[in-house]
Amino acid sequence: MKQKKKIHEDEKIPYFEELISFYKHINASPPLSEDFDIREINPEVLKAFDYVAKPFRHNLYCIAFYLEGDVTLNTGFWKTKLDKPAIYFKTPCQILSWAKPAKWLKEYFIVFTESFILKHKPLADIIFALPFFKLEKAIPLEINEPEDVEMLKNLYKKIFNEYHSLNNDKYDLIHSYTYELLIHLRRLFIKYSETDFDLAQKIKTNDNTLVDKFLSLIKKHISSNEMGDEIHSVKFYAGLLTTHPNHLNAVVKRITKKNALSLIHNQIIIEAKSMLTQTNIPIKVIASNLGFKEPSHFNNFFKKRIDLTPSAYRKRGLL
């Protein structure tokens, strides 16, 4: 029997779901909050440090605003060299690393967890719908207009100052300022994608690929007849696709004009119709095969969509 090769501890790529362990990995001071942080990078302070980050994965959202200098950023299998003001998105699950640049950057960045997002629904709605948080290639948005650079810099300063204030309600404003930042970034992103064919095509391809994979997984699991009611859940498929259910639903709706749950239900109906008309499998067994805990649940589900009970549909098909 072939033994599995044991992975040495040094060969593992660390994965961070919260900010404290992430900052420890990059040898930085801990954040003030476990779910949100903002930093201003001062080149004069950091130039004496041998600043590197060994490869790691994270489940965090980060929006960096590079103002000056040059740097090569490694995200997944992409390398991006920036030499002008740019917004750079670091997305969950990708492998990241960086080394000390030849010239230090002036930079702001905010980093936050999913918990921070979910505490503020408008923020969650915009983040899960925006494509730049889910593209395999992290996208630098080069900011060419001086007024746009100044506007973004002022927004980051507002967030930074509030974060370091002693106000008890500061996170209410931080949520609002972060939402405002994302609205402006969405505008810039739309403008950027309208003039950059490669980026526009990448967004379209990425969305289509996600929907195709989703549809394939639905068919695979619903036709397997070996799973429980998890196959009815958008969350189940989002987990397989390493994305968030809200994001999956937003992309599916953008491409198909239907929500993700309706596509799952549609495939269940297709499979049910096939088994009812082409086999003699008892209806209670069909219900179980399709992930329904009770035959009555399957009966109600089917009748609501077809306006016939499974038994009536089977009899009609035999006429």
C-alpha atoms as a PDB file:
ATOM      1  CA  MET A   1       0.000   0.000   0.000  1.00  0.00           C
ATOM      2  CA  LYS A   2       1.442   3.326  -1.048  1.00  0.00           C
ATOM      3  CA  GLN A   3       2.006   5.697   1.854  1.00  0.00           C
ATOM      4  CA  LYS A   4       1.060   9.342   1.579  1.00  0.00           C
ATOM      5  CA  LYS A   5       3.979  11.704   1.721  1.00  0.00           C
ATOM      6  CA  LYS A   6       3.987  13.610   4.977  1.00  0.00           C
ATOM      7  CA  ILE A   7       4.075  17.354   4.436  1.00  0.00           C
ATOM      8  CA  HIS A   8       6.767  19.032   6.493  1.00  0.00           C
ATOM      9  CA  GLU A   9       5.567  21.936   8.608  1.00  0.00           C
ATOM     10  CA  ASP A  10       7.815  24.359   6.700  1.00  0.00           C
ATOM     11  CA  GLU A  11       6.229  23.300   3.395  1.00  0.00           C
ATOM     12  CA  LYS A  12       2.689  24.217   4.431  1.00  0.00           C
ATOM     13  CA  ILE A  13       1.204  27.492   3.212  1.00  0.00           C
ATOM     14  CA  PRO A  14      -0.435  29.157   6.229  1.00  0.00           C
ATOM     15  CA  TYR A  15      -4.077  30.179   5.994  1.00  0.00           C
ATOM     16  CA  PHE A  16      -5.427  33.126   8.007  1.00  0.00           C
ATOM     17  CA  GLU A  17      -9.086  33.742   8.749  1.00  0.00           C
ATOM     18  CA  GLU A  18      -8.561  36.564  11.239  1.00  0.00           C
ATOM     19  CA  LEU A  19      -6.407  39.660  11.408  1.00  0.00           C
ATOM     20  CA  ILE A  20      -4.259  38.955  14.470  1.00  0.00           C
ATOM     21  CA  SER A  21      -2.528  35.866  13.030  1.00  0.00           C
ATOM     22  CA  PHE A  22      -2.216  37.600   9.642  1.00  0.00           C
ATOM     23  CA  TYR A  23      -0.322  40.547  11.149  1.00  0.00           C
ATOM     24  CA  LYS A  24       1.841  38.210  13.174  1.00  0.00           C
ATOM     25  CA  HIS A  25       2.825  36.407   9.960  1.00  0.00           C
ATOM     26  CA  ILE A  26       3.936  39.638   8.284  1.00  0.00           C
ATOM     27  CA  ASN A  27       5.757  40.819  11.448  1.00  0.00           C
ATOM     28  CA  ALA A  28       3.482  43.823  11.959  1.00  0.00           C
ATOM     29  CA  SER A  29       1.882  45.271  15.087  1.00  0.00           C
ATOM     30  CA  PRO A  30      -1.562  43.852  15.967  1.00  0.00           C
ATOM     31  CA  PRO A  31      -4.756  45.634  14.833  1.00  0.00           C
ATOM     32  CA  LEU A  32      -7.057  47.644  17.086  1.00  0.00           C
ATOM     33  CA  SER A  33     -10.005  45.493  16.012  1.00  0.00           C
ATOM     34  CA  GLU A  34     -10.284  41.775  15.279  1.00  0.00           C
ATOM     35  CA  ASP A  35     -12.394  42.443  12.149  1.00  0.00           C
ATOM     36  CA  PHE A  36     -11.089  45.687  10.629  1.00  0.00           C
ATOM     37  CA  ASP A  37      -7.842  47.573  10.236  1.00  0.00           C
ATOM     38  CA  ILE A  38      -6.459  50.489   8.250  1.00  0.00           C
ATOM     39  CA  ARG A  39      -2.814  51.476   7.917  1.00  0.00           C
ATOM     40  CA  GLU A  40      -0.831  54.284   6.394  1.00  0.00           C
ATOM     41  CA  ILE A  41       2.531  53.142   5.084  1.00  0.00           C
ATOM     42  CA  ASN A  42       5.248  55.734   5.539  1.00  0.00           C
ATOM     43  CA  PRO A  43       8.294  55.056   3.323  1.00  0.00           C
ATOM     44  CA  GLU A  44      10.624  56.965   5.643  1.00  0.00           C
ATOM     45  CA  VAL A  45       9.733  54.717   8.555  1.00  0.00           C
ATOM     46  CA  LEU A  46       9.921  51.403   6.707  1.00  0.00           C
ATOM     47  CA  LYS A  47      12.956  51.833   4.465  1.00  0.00           C
ATOM     48  CA  ALA A  48      15.328  50.452   7.106  1.00  0.00           C
ATOM     49  CA  PHE A  49      13.387  47.187   7.449  1.00  0.00           C
ATOM     50  CA  ASP A  50      13.889  43.976   5.477  1.00  0.00           C
ATOM     51  CA  TYR A  51      10.175  43.711   4.814  1.00  0.00           C
ATOM     52  CA  VAL A  52       9.003  40.434   3.244  1.00  0.00           C
ATOM     53  CA  ALA A  53       5.913  38.268   3.468  1.00  0.00           C
ATOM     54  CA  LYS A  54       6.345  34.564   2.809  1.00  0.00           C
ATOM     55  CA  PRO A  55       3.539  32.929   0.779  1.00  0.00           C
ATOM     56  CA  PHE A  56       0.236  32.664   2.613  1.00  0.00           C
ATOM     57  CA  ARG A  57      -3.500  32.381   2.035  1.00  0.00           C
ATOM     58  CA  HIS A  58      -6.164  34.384   3.804  1.00  0.00           C
ATOM     59  CA  ASN A  59      -9.917  34.773   4.069  1.00  0.00           C
ATOM     60  CA  LEU A  60      -9.717  38.557   4.238  1.00  0.00           C
ATOM     61  CA  TYR A  61     -10.693  41.459   1.998  1.00  0.00           C
ATOM     62  CA  CYS A  62      -8.088  44.141   1.379  1.00  0.00           C
ATOM     63  CA  ILE A  63      -8.162  47.357  -0.648  1.00  0.00           C
ATOM     64  CA  ALA A  64      -4.750  48.965  -0.984  1.00  0.00           C
ATOM     65  CA  PHE A  65      -4.178  52.438  -2.401  1.00  0.00           C
ATOM     66  CA  TYR A  66      -0.652  52.896  -3.716  1.00  0.00           C
ATOM     67  CA  LEU A  67       0.357  56.530  -4.130  1.00  0.00           C
ATOM     68  CA  GLU A  68       4.053  56.586  -4.968  1.00  0.00           C
ATOM     69  CA  GLY A  69       6.955  54.289  -5.757  1.00  0.00           C
ATOM     70  CA  ASP A  70       7.105  50.966  -7.560  1.00  0.00           C
ATOM     71  CA  VAL A  71       6.419  47.408  -6.477  1.00  0.00           C
ATOM     72  CA  THR A  72       5.863  43.950  -7.923  1.00  0.00           C
ATOM     73  CA  LEU A  73       2.893  42.203  -6.332  1.00  0.00           C
ATOM     74  CA  ASN A  74       2.469  38.420  -6.429  1.00  0.00           C
ATOM     75  CA  THR A  75      -1.116  37.163  -6.372  1.00  0.00           C
ATOM     76  CA  GLY A  76      -1.847  33.571  -7.344  1.00  0.00           C
ATOM     77  CA  PHE A  77       0.227  33.022 -10.487  1.00  0.00           C
ATOM     78  CA  TRP A  78       0.053  36.704 -11.523  1.00  0.00           C
ATOM     79  CA  LYS A  79       2.699  39.364 -11.071  1.00  0.00           C
ATOM     80  CA  THR A  80       1.733  42.998 -11.274  1.00  0.00           C
ATOM     81  CA  LYS A  81       4.172  45.894 -11.386  1.00  0.00           C
ATOM     82  CA  LEU A  82       2.767  49.239 -10.329  1.00  0.00           C
ATOM     83  CA  ASP A  83       4.500  52.531 -11.048  1.00  0.00           C
ATOM     84  CA  LYS A  84       1.657  55.041 -10.693  1.00  0.00           C
ATOM     85  CA  PRO A  85      -1.213  55.644  -8.255  1.00  0.00           C
ATOM     86  CA  ALA A  86      -3.434  52.569  -8.205  1.00  0.00           C
ATOM     87  CA  ILE A  87      -6.049  50.703  -6.233  1.00  0.00           C
ATOM     88  CA  TYR A  88      -5.202  47.045  -5.707  1.00  0.00           C
ATOM     89  CA  PHE A  89      -7.659  44.396  -4.484  1.00  0.00           C
ATOM     90  CA  LYS A  90      -6.470  41.419  -2.482  1.00  0.00           C
ATOM     91  CA  THR A  91      -9.148  38.755  -2.476  1.00  0.00           C
ATOM     92  CA  PRO A  92      -9.877  35.755  -0.225  1.00  0.00           C
ATOM     93  CA  CYS A  93      -8.247  32.330  -0.752  1.00  0.00           C
ATOM     94  CA  GLN A  94      -5.463  33.392  -3.127  1.00  0.00           C
ATOM     95  CA  ILE A  95      -1.770  32.846  -2.388  1.00  0.00           C
ATOM     96  CA  LEU A  96      -0.005  36.149  -1.654  1.00  0.00           C
ATOM     97  CA  SER A  97       3.585  37.154  -1.018  1.00  0.00           C
ATOM     98  CA  TRP A  98       5.758  40.219  -1.373  1.00  0.00           C
ATOM     99  CA  ALA A  99       9.338  41.357  -0.934  1.00  0.00           C
ATOM    100  CA  LYS A 100      10.968  44.645  -0.073  1.00  0.00           C
ATOM    101  CA  PRO A 101      10.637  46.926  -3.122  1.00  0.00           C
ATOM    102  CA  ALA A 102      13.543  48.827  -4.620  1.00  0.00           C
ATOM    103  CA  LYS A 103      11.715  52.026  -3.775  1.00  0.00           C
ATOM    104  CA  TRP A 104       9.272  52.229  -0.892  1.00  0.00           C
ATOM    105  CA  LEU A 105       5.668  53.048  -1.638  1.00  0.00           C
ATOM    106  CA  LYS A 106       3.465  55.545   0.042  1.00  0.00           C
ATOM    107  CA  GLU A 107       0.325  53.539   0.684  1.00  0.00           C
ATOM    108  CA  TYR A 108      -2.956  53.240   2.537  1.00  0.00           C
ATOM    109  CA  PHE A 109      -4.712  49.943   2.949  1.00  0.00           C
ATOM    110  CA  ILE A 110      -7.820  48.688   4.675  1.00  0.00           C
ATOM    111  CA  VAL A 111      -8.314  45.032   5.501  1.00  0.00           C
ATOM    112  CA  PHE A 112     -11.439  43.456   6.940  1.00  0.00           C
ATOM    113  CA  THR A 113     -13.109  40.131   7.631  1.00  0.00           C
ATOM    114  CA  GLU A 114     -16.418  38.775   6.418  1.00  0.00           C
ATOM    115  CA  SER A 115     -17.812  39.408   9.910  1.00  0.00           C
ATOM    116  CA  PHE A 116     -17.183  43.128   9.405  1.00  0.00           C
ATOM    117  CA  ILE A 117     -19.053  43.000   6.083  1.00  0.00           C
ATOM    118  CA  LEU A 118     -22.046  41.118   7.421  1.00  0.00           C
ATOM    119  CA  LYS A 119     -22.620  43.634  10.211  1.00  0.00           C
ATOM    120  CA  HIS A 120     -23.583  46.216   7.592  1.00  0.00           C
ATOM    121  CA  LYS A 121     -25.962  44.913   4.900  1.00  0.00           C
ATOM    122  CA  PRO A 122     -25.388  47.680   2.284  1.00  0.00           C
ATOM    123  CA  LEU A 123     -21.663  46.953   2.503  1.00  0.00           C
ATOM    124  CA  ALA A 124     -22.278  43.213   2.062  1.00  0.00           C
ATOM    125  CA  ASP A 125     -24.569  43.821  -0.917  1.00  0.00           C
ATOM    126  CA  ILE A 126     -22.041  45.890  -2.826  1.00  0.00           C
ATOM    127  CA  ILE A 127     -19.001  43.716  -2.025  1.00  0.00           C
ATOM    128  CA  PHE A 128     -20.606  40.416  -2.988  1.00  0.00           C
ATOM    129  CA  ALA A 129     -21.891  41.913  -6.245  1.00  0.00           C
ATOM    130  CA  LEU A 130     -18.616  43.505  -7.341  1.00  0.00           C
ATOM    131  CA  PRO A 131     -16.573  41.328  -9.706  1.00  0.00           C
ATOM    132  CA  PHE A 132     -13.122  42.577  -8.677  1.00  0.00           C
ATOM    133  CA  PHE A 133     -13.224  40.718  -5.366  1.00  0.00           C
ATOM    134  CA  LYS A 134     -13.543  37.363  -7.148  1.00  0.00           C
ATOM    135  CA  LEU A 135     -11.337  37.555 -10.213  1.00  0.00           C
ATOM    136  CA  GLU A 136      -8.360  35.181 -10.205  1.00  0.00           C
ATOM    137  CA  LYS A 137      -6.195  38.074 -11.367  1.00  0.00           C
ATOM    138  CA  ALA A 138      -6.203  40.816  -8.757  1.00  0.00           C
ATOM    139  CA  ILE A 139      -6.860  44.032 -10.616  1.00  0.00           C
ATOM    140  CA  PRO A 140      -4.890  47.220 -10.165  1.00  0.00           C
ATOM    141  CA  LEU A 141      -7.010  50.216 -11.074  1.00  0.00           C
ATOM    142  CA  GLU A 142      -4.603  52.868 -12.221  1.00  0.00           C
ATOM    143  CA  ILE A 143      -5.831  56.293 -11.142  1.00  0.00           C
ATOM    144  CA  ASN A 144      -4.799  58.814 -13.754  1.00  0.00           C
ATOM    145  CA  GLU A 145      -6.852  61.865 -12.794  1.00  0.00           C
ATOM    146  CA  PRO A 146      -5.327  63.979  -9.970  1.00  0.00           C
ATOM    147  CA  GLU A 147      -8.773  64.826  -8.608  1.00  0.00           C
ATOM    148  CA  ASP A 148      -9.600  61.099  -8.299  1.00  0.00           C
ATOM    149  CA  VAL A 149      -6.333  60.479  -6.454  1.00  0.00           C
ATOM    150  CA  GLU A 150      -7.113  63.320  -4.047  1.00  0.00           C
ATOM    151  CA  MET A 151     -10.681  62.140  -3.504  1.00  0.00           C
ATOM    152  CA  LEU A 152      -9.566  58.592  -2.648  1.00  0.00           C
ATOM    153  CA  LYS A 153      -6.770  59.844  -0.412  1.00  0.00           C
ATOM    154  CA  ASN A 154      -9.241  61.967   1.560  1.00  0.00           C
ATOM    155  CA  LEU A 155     -11.579  58.991   1.991  1.00  0.00           C
ATOM    156  CA  TYR A 156      -8.790  56.823   3.347  1.00  0.00           C
ATOM    157  CA  LYS A 157      -7.766  59.633   5.710  1.00  0.00           C
ATOM    158  CA  LYS A 158     -11.342  59.908   7.014  1.00  0.00           C
ATOM    159  CA  ILE A 159     -11.420  56.183   7.743  1.00  0.00           C
ATOM    160  CA  PHE A 160      -7.924  56.292   9.266  1.00  0.00           C
ATOM    161  CA  ASN A 161      -8.716  59.221  11.582  1.00  0.00           C
ATOM    162  CA  GLU A 162     -11.980  57.707  12.758  1.00  0.00           C
ATOM    163  CA  TYR A 163     -10.321  54.334  13.371  1.00  0.00           C
ATOM    164  CA  HIS A 164      -7.785  55.953  15.701  1.00  0.00           C
ATOM    165  CA  SER A 165     -10.359  58.090  17.481  1.00  0.00           C
ATOM    166  CA  LEU A 166     -11.806  57.333  20.914  1.00  0.00           C
ATOM    167  CA  ASN A 167     -15.422  57.573  19.789  1.00  0.00           C
ATOM    168  CA  ASN A 168     -17.588  54.701  20.997  1.00  0.00           C
ATOM    169  CA  ASP A 169     -19.611  54.727  17.776  1.00  0.00           C
ATOM    170  CA  LYS A 170     -16.636  54.987  15.422  1.00  0.00           C
ATOM    171  CA  TYR A 171     -17.384  51.719  13.597  1.00  0.00           C
ATOM    172  CA  ASP A 172     -20.766  53.055  12.511  1.00  0.00           C
ATOM    173  CA  LEU A 173     -18.931  55.776  10.604  1.00  0.00           C
ATOM    174  CA  ILE A 174     -16.187  53.410   9.441  1.00  0.00           C
ATOM    175  CA  HIS A 175     -18.825  51.161   7.855  1.00  0.00           C
ATOM    176  CA  SER A 176     -20.337  54.209   6.123  1.00  0.00           C
ATOM    177  CA  TYR A 177     -16.990  55.575   4.931  1.00  0.00           C
ATOM    178  CA  THR A 178     -15.955  52.133   3.628  1.00  0.00           C
ATOM    179  CA  TYR A 179     -19.268  51.901   1.769  1.00  0.00           C
ATOM    180  CA  GLU A 180     -18.654  55.365   0.288  1.00  0.00           C
ATOM    181  CA  LEU A 181     -15.166  54.261  -0.789  1.00  0.00           C
ATOM    182  CA  LEU A 182     -16.578  51.197  -2.541  1.00  0.00           C
ATOM    183  CA  ILE A 183     -19.190  53.272  -4.382  1.00  0.00           C
ATOM    184  CA  HIS A 184     -16.432  55.479  -5.787  1.00  0.00           C
ATOM    185  CA  LEU A 185     -14.315  52.438  -6.647  1.00  0.00           C
ATOM    186  CA  ARG A 186     -17.258  50.888  -8.471  1.00  0.00           C
ATOM    187  CA  ARG A 187     -17.531  54.021 -10.606  1.00  0.00           C
ATOM    188  CA  LEU A 188     -13.823  53.901 -11.387  1.00  0.00           C
ATOM    189  CA  PHE A 189     -13.990  50.178 -12.066  1.00  0.00           C
ATOM    190  CA  ILE A 190     -16.832  50.637 -14.560  1.00  0.00           C
ATOM    191  CA  LYS A 191     -14.906  53.416 -16.302  1.00  0.00           C
ATOM    192  CA  TYR A 192     -11.752  51.293 -16.359  1.00  0.00           C
ATOM    193  CA  SER A 193     -13.473  48.192 -17.732  1.00  0.00           C
ATOM    194  CA  GLU A 194     -15.105  50.230 -20.519  1.00  0.00           C
ATOM    195  CA  THR A 195     -11.689  51.206 -21.888  1.00  0.00           C
ATOM    196  CA  ASP A 196      -9.749  48.011 -21.115  1.00  0.00           C
ATOM    197  CA  PHE A 197     -10.897  45.158 -23.380  1.00  0.00           C
ATOM    198  CA  ASP A 198      -8.732  42.582 -21.588  1.00  0.00           C
ATOM    199  CA  LEU A 199     -10.292  43.411 -18.235  1.00  0.00           C
ATOM    200  CA  ALA A 200     -13.853  43.457 -19.616  1.00  0.00           C
ATOM    201  CA  GLN A 201     -13.289  40.064 -21.235  1.00  0.00           C
ATOM    202  CA  LYS A 202     -11.760  38.693 -18.052  1.00  0.00           C
ATOM    203  CA  ILE A 203     -14.823  39.726 -16.030  1.00  0.00           C
ATOM    204  CA  LYS A 204     -17.193  38.154 -18.561  1.00  0.00           C
ATOM    205  CA  THR A 205     -15.174  34.938 -18.781  1.00  0.00           C
ATOM    206  CA  ASN A 206     -14.862  34.671 -15.014  1.00  0.00           C
ATOM    207  CA  ASP A 207     -18.617  35.109 -14.516  1.00  0.00           C
ATOM    208  CA  ASN A 208     -19.499  32.625 -17.267  1.00  0.00           C
ATOM    209  CA  THR A 209     -17.049  30.063 -15.879  1.00  0.00           C
ATOM    210  CA  LEU A 210     -18.532  30.360 -12.389  1.00  0.00           C
ATOM    211  CA  VAL A 211     -22.076  29.867 -13.704  1.00  0.00           C
ATOM    212  CA  ASP A 212     -21.016  26.906 -15.876  1.00  0.00           C
ATOM    213  CA  LYS A 213     -19.323  25.234 -12.906  1.00  0.00           C
ATOM    214  CA  PHE A 214     -22.374  25.903 -10.740  1.00  0.00           C
ATOM    215  CA  LEU A 215     -24.722  24.330 -13.282  1.00  0.00           C
ATOM    216  CA  SER A 216     -22.436  21.300 -13.670  1.00  0.00           C
ATOM    217  CA  LEU A 217     -22.301  20.788  -9.911  1.00  0.00           C
ATOM    218  CA  ILE A 218     -26.095  21.009  -9.616  1.00  0.00           C
ATOM    219  CA  LYS A 219     -26.568  18.338 -12.281  1.00  0.00           C
ATOM    220  CA  LYS A 220     -23.862  16.135 -10.793  1.00  0.00           C
ATOM    221  CA  HIS A 221     -25.162  16.160  -7.238  1.00  0.00           C
ATOM    222  CA  ILE A 222     -28.883  16.073  -7.959  1.00  0.00           C
ATOM    223  CA  SER A 223     -28.485  13.157 -10.373  1.00  0.00           C
ATOM    224  CA  SER A 224     -26.196  11.236  -7.989  1.00  0.00           C
ATOM    225  CA  ASN A 225     -29.168  10.274  -5.757  1.00  0.00           C
ATOM    226  CA  GLU A 226     -26.696   9.842  -2.887  1.00  0.00           C
ATOM    227  CA  MET A 227     -26.950  13.062  -0.885  1.00  0.00           C
ATOM    228  CA  GLY A 228     -29.332  14.730   1.546  1.00  0.00           C
ATOM    229  CA  ASP A 229     -31.106  18.062   1.511  1.00  0.00           C
ATOM    230  CA  GLU A 230     -27.794  19.985   1.318  1.00  0.00           C
ATOM    231  CA  ILE A 231     -28.080  19.672  -2.468  1.00  0.00           C
ATOM    232  CA  HIS A 232     -30.995  22.129  -2.285  1.00  0.00           C
ATOM    233  CA  SER A 233     -28.802  24.833  -0.732  1.00  0.00           C
ATOM    234  CA  VAL A 234     -26.978  27.654  -2.516  1.00  0.00           C
ATOM    235  CA  LYS A 235     -24.512  27.661   0.394  1.00  0.00           C
ATOM    236  CA  PHE A 236     -23.541  24.036  -0.384  1.00  0.00           C
ATOM    237  CA  TYR A 237     -22.557  24.842  -3.985  1.00  0.00           C
ATOM    238  CA  ALA A 238     -20.895  28.127  -3.027  1.00  0.00           C
ATOM    239  CA  GLY A 239     -18.699  26.128  -0.643  1.00  0.00           C
ATOM    240  CA  LEU A 240     -17.671  23.766  -3.442  1.00  0.00           C
ATOM    241  CA  LEU A 241     -16.866  26.779  -5.619  1.00  0.00           C
ATOM    242  CA  THR A 242     -14.948  28.549  -2.793  1.00  0.00           C
ATOM    243  CA  THR A 243     -17.100  31.632  -3.098  1.00  0.00           C
ATOM    244  CA  HIS A 244     -19.734  33.348  -0.991  1.00  0.00           C
ATOM    245  CA  PRO A 245     -23.423  32.433  -1.526  1.00  0.00           C
ATOM    246  CA  ASN A 246     -24.304  36.115  -2.033  1.00  0.00           C
ATOM    247  CA  HIS A 247     -21.604  36.494  -4.672  1.00  0.00           C
ATOM    248  CA  LEU A 248     -22.658  33.289  -6.439  1.00  0.00           C
ATOM    249  CA  ASN A 249     -26.258  34.482  -6.488  1.00  0.00           C
ATOM    250  CA  ALA A 250     -25.269  37.935  -7.813  1.00  0.00           C
ATOM    251  CA  VAL A 251     -23.222  36.455 -10.681  1.00  0.00           C
ATOM    252  CA  VAL A 252     -25.888  33.875 -11.580  1.00  0.00           C
ATOM    253  CA  LYS A 253     -28.517  36.604 -11.666  1.00  0.00           C
ATOM    254  CA  ARG A 254     -26.281  38.837 -13.791  1.00  0.00           C
ATOM    255  CA  ILE A 255     -25.739  36.065 -16.363  1.00  0.00           C
ATOM    256  CA  THR A 256     -29.024  34.123 -16.368  1.00  0.00           C
ATOM    257  CA  LYS A 257     -31.511  36.723 -15.020  1.00  0.00           C
ATOM    258  CA  LYS A 258     -32.558  34.078 -12.458  1.00  0.00           C
ATOM    259  CA  ASN A 259     -31.367  33.572  -8.908  1.00  0.00           C
ATOM    260  CA  ALA A 260     -29.183  30.623  -7.917  1.00  0.00           C
ATOM    261  CA  LEU A 261     -31.888  28.853  -5.913  1.00  0.00           C
ATOM    262  CA  SER A 262     -34.306  28.845  -8.859  1.00  0.00           C
ATOM    263  CA  LEU A 263     -31.682  27.043 -10.991  1.00  0.00           C
ATOM    264  CA  ILE A 264     -31.283  24.408  -8.280  1.00  0.00           C
ATOM    265  CA  HIS A 265     -35.054  23.946  -8.106  1.00  0.00           C
ATOM    266  CA  ASN A 266     -35.294  23.752 -11.897  1.00  0.00           C
ATOM    267  CA  GLN A 267     -32.761  20.918 -12.024  1.00  0.00           C
ATOM    268  CA  ILE A 268     -34.606  19.037  -9.260  1.00  0.00           C
ATOM    269  CA  ILE A 269     -37.805  19.274 -11.323  1.00  0.00           C
ATOM    270  CA  ILE A 270     -36.021  18.057 -14.477  1.00  0.00           C
ATOM    271  CA  GLU A 271     -34.611  15.050 -12.616  1.00  0.00           C
ATOM    272  CA  ALA A 272     -37.945  14.326 -10.942  1.00  0.00           C
ATOM    273  CA  LYS A 273     -39.824  14.396 -14.259  1.00  0.00           C
ATOM    274  CA  SER A 274     -37.330  11.990 -15.808  1.00  0.00           C
ATOM    275  CA  MET A 275     -37.639   9.468 -12.974  1.00  0.00           C
ATOM    276  CA  LEU A 276     -41.427   9.764 -12.816  1.00  0.00           C
ATOM    277  CA  THR A 277     -41.926   9.121 -16.544  1.00  0.00           C
ATOM    278  CA  GLN A 278     -39.094   6.703 -17.313  1.00  0.00           C
ATOM    279  CA  THR A 279     -38.902   4.481 -14.224  1.00  0.00           C
ATOM    280  CA  ASN A 280     -41.140   2.605 -11.819  1.00  0.00           C
ATOM    281  CA  ILE A 281     -39.240   3.808  -8.772  1.00  0.00           C
ATOM    282  CA  PRO A 282     -41.697   4.490  -5.936  1.00  0.00           C
ATOM    283  CA  ILE A 283     -42.387   8.179  -5.420  1.00  0.00           C
ATOM    284  CA  LYS A 284     -41.187   8.078  -1.804  1.00  0.00           C
ATOM    285  CA  VAL A 285     -37.842   6.701  -3.039  1.00  0.00           C
ATOM    286  CA  ILE A 286     -37.614   9.407  -5.726  1.00  0.00           C
ATOM    287  CA  ALA A 287     -38.245  11.987  -3.006  1.00  0.00           C
ATOM    288  CA  SER A 288     -35.422  10.534  -0.899  1.00  0.00           C
ATOM    289  CA  ASN A 289     -33.084  10.323  -3.900  1.00  0.00           C
ATOM    290  CA  LEU A 290     -33.685  14.019  -4.584  1.00  0.00           C
ATOM    291  CA  GLY A 291     -32.808  15.036  -1.037  1.00  0.00           C
ATOM    292  CA  PHE A 292     -36.279  15.402   0.487  1.00  0.00           C
ATOM    293  CA  LYS A 293     -36.552  14.140   4.050  1.00  0.00           C
ATOM    294  CA  GLU A 294     -40.293  13.515   3.713  1.00  0.00           C
ATOM    295  CA  PRO A 295     -42.328  12.440   0.640  1.00  0.00           C
ATOM    296  CA  SER A 296     -44.875  15.136   1.550  1.00  0.00           C
ATOM    297  CA  HIS A 297     -42.178  17.818   1.152  1.00  0.00           C
ATOM    298  CA  PHE A 298     -41.415  16.525  -2.347  1.00  0.00           C
ATOM    299  CA  ASN A 299     -45.121  16.368  -3.158  1.00  0.00           C
ATOM    300  CA  ASN A 300     -45.650  20.024  -2.152  1.00  0.00           C
ATOM    301  CA  PHE A 301     -42.456  21.159  -3.925  1.00  0.00           C
ATOM    302  CA  PHE A 302     -43.448  19.434  -7.186  1.00  0.00           C
ATOM    303  CA  LYS A 303     -47.098  20.502  -7.156  1.00  0.00           C
ATOM    304  CA  LYS A 304     -46.215  24.136  -6.484  1.00  0.00           C
ATOM    305  CA  ARG A 305     -44.112  24.263  -9.666  1.00  0.00           C
ATOM    306  CA  ILE A 306     -45.940  21.874 -12.022  1.00  0.00           C
ATOM    307  CA  ASP A 307     -49.498  22.271 -10.715  1.00  0.00           C
ATOM    308  CA  LEU A 308     -49.731  18.467 -10.521  1.00  0.00           C
ATOM    309  CA  THR A 309     -48.743  16.016  -7.810  1.00  0.00           C
ATOM    310  CA  PRO A 310     -45.903  13.610  -8.689  1.00  0.00           C
ATOM    311  CA  SER A 311     -48.451  10.769  -8.836  1.00  0.00           C
ATOM    312  CA  ALA A 312     -50.744  12.696 -11.199  1.00  0.00           C
ATOM    313  CA  TYR A 313     -47.802  13.681 -13.393  1.00  0.00           C
ATOM    314  CA  ARG A 314     -46.675  10.038 -13.616  1.00  0.00           C
ATOM    315  CA  LYS A 315     -50.168   8.861 -14.594  1.00  0.00           C
ATOM    316  CA  ARG A 316     -50.467  11.573 -17.240  1.00  0.00           C
ATOM    317  CA  GLY A 317     -47.160  10.463 -18.731  1.00  0.00           C
ATOM    318  CA  LEU A 318     -48.391   6.890 -19.005  1.00  0.00           C
ATOM    319  CA  LEU A 319     -51.532   7.794 -20.948  1.00  0.00           C
END
